[in-house]
């Protein structure tokens, strides 16, 4: 039954025209939401639920494109001023000294066979700047990766693997039927790429936030083609750090 539901939703994708703009069958996020709701209704024992923020910590920052940022930033700027200032403070304190490591051409290093974006020594000390008091402060506008993580599966080289953390995968292996069906993420990823168009701007989430910091708060203006290198230099300069970029 579920595979038929998932396939029906995938067949809607050719008519999708926007990301987070209309919240109906023309909206990629809306169609993804329906797939996730069906999966969660069939398997309410999913580990990924309100109160779990494991994927918001350490090395797991999402790569965000400008089409996603256009949805996310109004949600962030719509937060109370105190919440916005706390996000900026967390960004400065936790990510400021290592922001330059997230820039294109710098991001990522091999730790054995694992590609990391955060120095191992500080991985346990950092979390998504949008995480406030244990919960995502911008959940309604969260990016594609955050929406799909924990509920979908990815297909690669003929294999289907759950798109979730190791703890959640182990939970499925132990507790779910062997024929459990999850929605396949690949068609949604392909649609996102098609909607982004050629040469999309993309960066890890802390870089987008840094590009919109204005003093102790965020700028009122949403910029879709920021100079991330300049933004990192400016933010690090306020911390007394120079020459990192």
Protein backbone atom coordinates (compact mmCIF):
# COMPACT_ATOMS: atom_id res chain seq x y z
CA UNK A 1 0.00 0.00 0.00
CA UNK A 2 2.66 2.52 1.02
CA UNK A 3 4.80 2.09 -2.13
CA UNK A 4 1.73 2.93 -4.21
CA UNK A 5 1.17 6.09 -2.15
CA UNK A 6 4.82 7.09 -2.49
CA UNK A 7 4.76 6.46 -6.25
CA UNK A 8 1.61 8.55 -6.57
CA UNK A 9 3.35 11.48 -4.87
CA UNK A 10 6.40 11.12 -7.11
CA UNK A 11 4.10 11.29 -10.13
CA UNK A 12 3.07 14.75 -8.90
CA UNK A 13 6.61 16.11 -9.15
CA UNK A 14 6.51 17.15 -12.83
CA UNK A 15 3.79 19.66 -11.91
CA UNK A 16 5.73 21.10 -8.95
CA UNK A 17 6.77 24.69 -9.64
CA UNK A 18 8.10 26.10 -6.36
CA UNK A 19 9.85 25.38 -3.08
CA UNK A 20 7.98 26.46 0.04
CA UNK A 21 5.97 29.10 -1.82
CA UNK A 22 2.40 27.83 -2.17
CA UNK A 23 2.02 24.92 0.28
CA UNK A 24 -0.06 22.83 -2.09
CA UNK A 25 0.52 20.20 -4.76
CA UNK A 26 2.72 22.67 -6.71
CA UNK A 27 5.12 22.99 -3.75
CA UNK A 28 8.04 20.56 -3.42
CA UNK A 29 8.09 20.90 0.37
CA UNK A 30 4.35 20.15 0.55
CA UNK A 31 4.66 16.97 -1.53
CA UNK A 32 7.62 15.84 0.60
CA UNK A 33 5.57 16.52 3.72
CA UNK A 34 2.81 14.19 2.50
CA UNK A 35 5.34 11.39 1.92
CA UNK A 36 6.81 11.87 5.38
CA UNK A 37 3.39 11.96 7.06
CA UNK A 38 2.38 8.69 5.43
CA UNK A 39 5.64 7.06 6.55
CA UNK A 40 5.24 8.33 10.11
CA UNK A 41 1.60 7.26 10.29
CA UNK A 42 2.56 3.73 9.26
CA UNK A 43 5.57 3.65 11.60
CA UNK A 44 4.92 5.91 14.63
CA UNK A 45 7.92 4.33 16.36
CA UNK A 46 10.39 6.32 14.21
CA UNK A 47 13.18 7.70 16.40
CA UNK A 48 13.16 11.00 14.48
CA UNK A 49 10.51 13.01 16.28
CA UNK A 50 10.08 16.21 18.29
CA UNK A 51 12.65 16.35 21.05
CA UNK A 52 15.42 14.58 19.14
CA UNK A 53 18.13 16.94 17.88
CA UNK A 54 20.98 14.53 17.22
CA UNK A 55 21.19 15.54 13.54
CA UNK A 56 21.50 19.22 14.56
CA UNK A 57 24.88 18.73 16.22
CA UNK A 58 28.52 18.51 15.23
CA UNK A 59 29.40 17.52 11.72
CA UNK A 60 25.89 17.42 10.28
CA UNK A 61 25.21 20.95 9.02
CA UNK A 62 23.00 21.01 5.89
CA UNK A 63 24.12 22.34 2.53
CA UNK A 64 21.57 25.03 1.63
CA UNK A 65 20.88 26.52 -1.80
CA UNK A 66 19.54 29.99 -2.49
CA UNK A 67 16.09 28.64 -3.36
CA UNK A 68 15.93 27.06 0.11
CA UNK A 69 17.38 30.15 1.81
CA UNK A 70 14.63 32.26 0.27
CA UNK A 71 12.18 30.21 2.35
CA UNK A 72 14.29 29.85 5.47
CA UNK A 73 15.44 33.43 6.04
CA UNK A 74 12.00 35.05 6.48
CA UNK A 75 11.30 32.41 9.13
CA UNK A 76 14.52 33.34 10.92
CA UNK A 77 13.98 37.08 10.66
CA UNK A 78 10.38 36.62 11.84
CA UNK A 79 11.60 35.30 15.19
CA UNK A 80 11.52 37.55 18.27
CA UNK A 81 14.56 39.82 18.44
CA UNK A 82 15.87 38.02 21.51
CA UNK A 83 15.83 34.70 19.68
CA UNK A 84 17.62 36.19 16.67
CA UNK A 85 20.30 37.68 18.89
CA UNK A 86 20.80 34.34 20.62
CA UNK A 87 21.28 32.66 17.22
CA UNK A 88 23.89 35.26 16.29
CA UNK A 89 25.66 34.78 19.62
CA UNK A 90 25.75 31.01 19.15
CA UNK A 91 27.04 31.47 15.61
CA UNK A 92 29.86 33.74 16.82
CA UNK A 93 30.85 31.67 19.83
CA UNK A 94 30.65 28.18 18.36
CA UNK A 95 31.24 28.63 14.64
CA UNK A 96 33.13 31.92 14.40
CA UNK A 97 36.65 30.50 14.89
CA UNK A 98 36.10 27.70 12.33
CA UNK A 99 33.80 29.38 9.78
CA UNK A 100 36.60 29.63 7.22
CA UNK A 101 36.82 25.84 7.20
CA UNK A 102 33.29 25.65 5.77
CA UNK A 103 34.02 27.72 2.66
CA UNK A 104 33.96 26.11 -0.76
CA UNK A 105 37.40 24.73 -1.49
CA UNK A 106 38.18 24.50 2.22
CA UNK A 107 35.29 22.45 3.58
CA UNK A 108 35.98 18.87 4.43
CA UNK A 109 38.92 16.76 5.45
CA UNK A 110 39.36 13.01 5.70
CA UNK A 111 39.40 11.39 9.12
CA UNK A 112 40.26 7.86 8.08
CA UNK A 113 37.52 7.15 5.55
CA UNK A 114 35.04 9.70 6.93
CA UNK A 115 34.75 13.18 5.43
CA UNK A 116 34.34 15.76 8.17
CA UNK A 117 33.55 19.47 8.06
CA UNK A 118 34.18 20.23 11.73
CA UNK A 119 37.49 19.63 13.53
CA UNK A 120 37.10 16.47 15.58
CA UNK A 121 38.33 18.25 18.70
CA UNK A 122 35.32 20.61 18.72
CA UNK A 123 32.66 18.40 17.15
CA UNK A 124 30.97 17.71 20.48
CA UNK A 125 30.89 21.44 21.29
CA UNK A 126 29.00 22.79 18.26
CA UNK A 127 25.43 22.56 17.09
CA UNK A 128 23.24 24.25 14.52
CA UNK A 129 22.95 27.93 15.48
CA UNK A 130 19.19 27.68 14.88
CA UNK A 131 18.87 25.15 17.70
CA UNK A 132 17.47 27.04 20.68
CA UNK A 133 16.68 25.30 23.97
CA UNK A 134 16.87 21.90 22.30
CA UNK A 135 14.50 22.64 19.41
CA UNK A 136 14.78 24.08 15.90
CA UNK A 137 13.76 27.74 16.07
CA UNK A 138 13.08 27.87 12.30
CA UNK A 139 11.39 24.50 11.83
CA UNK A 140 8.65 25.79 9.53
CA UNK A 141 11.24 27.06 7.03
CA UNK A 142 13.85 24.33 7.48
CA UNK A 143 15.86 23.36 4.39
CA UNK A 144 15.44 20.31 2.16
CA UNK A 145 18.01 18.14 3.92
CA UNK A 146 16.46 18.74 7.33
CA UNK A 147 12.98 17.92 5.99
CA UNK A 148 14.03 14.60 4.52
CA UNK A 149 16.50 13.35 7.12
CA UNK A 150 15.09 10.61 9.32
CA UNK A 151 12.08 9.60 7.21
CA UNK A 152 13.29 9.03 3.64
CA UNK A 153 15.66 6.54 2.02
CA UNK A 154 18.26 7.11 -0.70
CA UNK A 155 18.97 4.86 -3.66
CA UNK A 156 22.56 4.50 -4.88
CA UNK A 157 24.33 1.81 -6.87
CA UNK A 158 21.24 -0.37 -6.77
CA UNK A 159 21.05 -0.21 -2.97
CA UNK A 160 18.41 1.56 -0.86
CA UNK A 161 19.67 2.96 2.45
CA UNK A 162 17.72 4.93 5.08
CA UNK A 163 18.66 8.62 5.05
CA UNK A 164 19.13 9.04 8.79
CA UNK A 165 21.67 8.81 11.58
CA UNK A 166 23.27 5.53 12.58
CA UNK A 167 21.19 5.33 15.75
CA UNK A 168 17.94 5.62 13.81
CA UNK A 169 19.12 3.05 11.23
CA UNK A 170 19.95 0.57 13.97
CA UNK A 171 16.51 1.17 15.51
CA UNK A 172 14.84 0.33 12.19
CA UNK A 173 16.96 -2.79 11.77
CA UNK A 174 15.99 -4.01 15.24
CA UNK A 175 12.33 -3.05 15.37
CA UNK A 176 10.83 -2.62 11.89
CA UNK A 177 9.62 -5.39 9.56
CA UNK A 178 12.18 -6.37 6.93
CA UNK A 179 9.82 -5.22 4.15
CA UNK A 180 9.41 -1.70 5.60
CA UNK A 181 8.97 0.81 2.77
CA UNK A 182 10.28 4.37 3.06
CA UNK A 183 9.79 7.13 0.48
CA UNK A 184 12.77 7.36 -1.90
CA UNK A 185 14.46 10.75 -1.77
CA UNK A 186 16.16 10.73 -5.18
CA UNK A 187 13.21 12.03 -7.27
CA UNK A 188 12.73 14.91 -4.83
CA UNK A 189 16.43 15.77 -4.97
CA UNK A 190 16.27 15.79 -8.77
CA UNK A 191 13.29 18.13 -8.69
CA UNK A 192 15.05 20.49 -6.31
CA UNK A 193 18.04 20.63 -8.65
CA UNK A 194 15.75 21.34 -11.61
CA UNK A 195 14.02 24.18 -9.74
CA UNK A 196 17.34 25.69 -8.68
CA UNK A 197 18.36 26.12 -12.30
CA UNK A 198 21.93 26.43 -13.61
CA UNK A 199 24.76 27.58 -11.33
CA UNK A 200 22.84 27.69 -8.04
CA UNK A 201 24.41 29.38 -5.02
CA UNK A 202 24.90 26.85 -2.22
CA UNK A 203 26.75 26.87 1.10
CA UNK A 204 26.65 25.23 4.50
CA UNK A 205 24.03 26.78 6.78
CA UNK A 206 26.39 28.63 9.17
CA UNK A 207 27.83 30.52 6.17
CA UNK A 208 24.38 31.76 5.09
CA UNK A 209 23.77 32.96 8.63
CA UNK A 210 27.16 34.70 8.79
CA UNK A 211 26.37 36.50 5.52
CA UNK A 212 23.29 38.06 7.10
CA UNK A 213 24.67 39.11 10.50
CA UNK A 214 24.37 42.83 11.22
CA UNK A 215 25.84 43.77 14.56
CA UNK A 216 24.25 41.58 17.24
CA UNK A 217 21.21 40.83 15.08
CA UNK A 218 20.38 39.84 11.51
CA UNK A 219 19.94 42.15 8.54
CA UNK A 220 16.40 42.82 7.39
CA UNK A 221 17.51 42.14 3.80
CA UNK A 222 17.65 38.61 2.42
CA UNK A 223 20.65 38.25 0.08
CA UNK A 224 20.63 35.32 -2.34
CA UNK A 225 24.15 35.77 -3.77
CA UNK A 226 26.34 36.76 -0.82
CA UNK A 227 30.11 36.89 -0.76
CA UNK A 228 30.64 34.17 1.84
CA UNK A 229 34.39 34.73 2.05
CA UNK A 230 33.88 38.41 2.87
CA UNK A 231 31.15 37.55 5.40
CA UNK A 232 33.47 35.11 7.18
CA UNK A 233 36.31 37.67 7.25
CA UNK A 234 34.05 40.34 8.73
CA UNK A 235 32.59 38.09 11.39
CA UNK A 236 35.98 36.69 12.37
CA UNK A 237 37.40 40.21 12.54
CA UNK A 238 34.85 41.03 15.26
CA UNK A 239 36.36 38.11 17.20
CA UNK A 240 39.90 39.35 16.73
CA UNK A 241 40.66 36.67 14.16
CA UNK A 242 42.33 37.74 10.92
CA UNK A 243 43.96 36.05 7.95
CA UNK A 244 41.87 32.89 8.16
CA UNK A 245 40.30 33.24 4.69
